[in-house]
Amino acid sequence: MTCYFLARLTIHDPATYALYLAGTDAPLARFGARVLAVDDSPQVLEGAWPCSRTVLIEFPDEAAARGWYGSPEYQAIAQHRHRAATTDAVFLKGRS
């Protein structure tokens, strides 16, 4: 079953965040991910959306999503994101 990674970020250090972005393609590709959306100003329909970037990534299944997130390759670059942004992130199970 497809699994999605949804993140809402408030970026406070764009230069350090750029270091994170520079390393994301290889780990995503290794786990069969597709970046479906990256939006710096999504249209809010209800409630508040207090962030500066929203990201939606599709994985073939939950094992691939968890493998990507926990991989040493991803965790090595995630440190840049942790320093550069405040993040709320979830895995969402797709509908079969």
Protein backbone atom coordinates (compact mmCIF):
# COMPACT_ATOMS: atom_id res chain seq x y z
CA MET A 1 0.00 0.00 0.00
CA THR A 2 1.30 3.44 -0.93
CA CYS A 3 2.65 5.58 1.90
CA TYR A 4 3.02 9.36 1.89
CA PHE A 5 5.37 11.63 3.81
CA LEU A 6 3.80 15.01 4.56
CA ALA A 7 5.91 17.76 6.11
CA ARG A 8 5.16 21.33 7.11
CA LEU A 9 8.30 23.38 7.61
CA THR A 10 9.11 26.82 8.88
CA ILE A 11 12.52 27.60 7.43
CA HIS A 12 14.59 30.07 9.45
CA ASP A 13 18.02 29.45 7.87
CA PRO A 14 17.74 29.17 4.06
CA ALA A 15 21.48 28.65 3.52
CA THR A 16 21.60 25.61 5.80
CA TYR A 17 18.33 24.33 4.36
CA ALA A 18 19.95 24.49 0.90
CA LEU A 19 22.59 22.01 2.18
CA TYR A 20 19.76 19.66 3.09
CA LEU A 21 18.09 20.01 -0.33
CA ALA A 22 21.36 19.34 -2.12
CA GLY A 23 21.48 15.84 -0.64
CA THR A 24 17.87 14.69 -0.87
CA ASP A 25 17.63 13.26 -4.40
CA ALA A 26 19.80 10.15 -3.98
CA PRO A 27 18.14 8.79 -0.82
CA LEU A 28 14.67 9.43 -2.24
CA ALA A 29 15.52 7.65 -5.49
CA ARG A 30 17.01 4.68 -3.63
CA PHE A 31 13.68 4.07 -1.89
CA GLY A 32 11.49 4.61 -4.97
CA ALA A 33 10.03 7.94 -3.81
CA ARG A 34 8.30 10.55 -5.93
CA VAL A 35 8.11 14.16 -4.77
CA LEU A 36 4.51 15.06 -5.56
CA ALA A 37 4.38 18.61 -4.22
CA VAL A 38 6.57 21.32 -2.75
CA ASP A 39 4.66 24.52 -2.07
CA ASP A 40 5.84 27.67 -0.32
CA SER A 41 2.37 29.19 -0.26
CA PRO A 42 -0.41 26.61 -0.36
CA GLN A 43 -3.97 27.85 -0.61
CA VAL A 44 -5.44 27.40 2.87
CA LEU A 45 -9.07 26.34 2.73
CA GLU A 46 -9.78 25.94 6.45
CA GLY A 47 -7.92 26.67 9.65
CA ALA A 48 -4.35 27.87 9.91
CA TRP A 49 -1.30 26.61 8.04
CA PRO A 50 1.57 28.20 9.97
CA CYS A 51 4.57 27.17 7.91
CA SER A 52 6.71 28.43 5.07
CA ARG A 53 6.88 25.18 3.03
CA THR A 54 4.75 22.07 2.61
CA VAL A 55 6.13 18.88 1.07
CA LEU A 56 4.33 15.72 -0.07
CA ILE A 57 6.36 12.65 -1.05
CA GLU A 58 4.97 9.30 -2.25
CA PHE A 59 6.62 5.96 -1.45
CA PRO A 60 5.65 2.57 -2.87
CA ASP A 61 4.85 1.30 0.64
CA GLU A 62 5.38 1.99 4.33
CA ALA A 63 8.53 -0.15 4.48
CA ALA A 64 10.16 2.02 1.80
CA ALA A 65 9.09 5.23 3.58
CA ARG A 66 10.46 4.06 6.92
CA GLY A 67 13.59 2.71 5.24
CA TRP A 68 14.24 6.12 3.66
CA TYR A 69 13.59 8.09 6.84
CA GLY A 70 15.73 5.83 9.02
CA SER A 71 18.54 5.31 6.53
CA PRO A 72 22.01 6.53 7.50
CA GLU A 73 22.17 8.34 4.15
CA TYR A 74 19.06 10.40 4.90
CA GLN A 75 19.83 10.95 8.56
CA ALA A 76 23.23 12.37 7.60
CA ILE A 77 21.55 15.18 5.64
CA ALA A 78 18.53 15.55 7.94
CA GLN A 79 20.80 17.25 10.48
CA HIS A 80 20.87 20.28 8.15
CA ARG A 81 17.07 20.41 8.08
CA HIS A 82 16.91 20.12 11.87
CA ARG A 83 19.22 23.12 12.19
CA ALA A 84 17.51 25.15 9.46
CA ALA A 85 13.81 24.60 10.08
CA THR A 86 11.08 23.64 12.47
CA THR A 87 9.24 20.66 11.02
CA ASP A 88 5.97 18.82 11.58
CA ALA A 89 6.02 15.54 9.64
CA VAL A 90 3.81 12.46 9.35
CA PHE A 91 3.49 9.25 7.38
CA LEU A 92 0.07 8.76 5.80
CA LYS A 93 -1.12 5.36 4.61
CA GLY A 94 -2.56 5.45 1.11
CA ARG A 95 -5.85 3.85 0.20
CA SER A 96 -5.60 0.59 -1.64
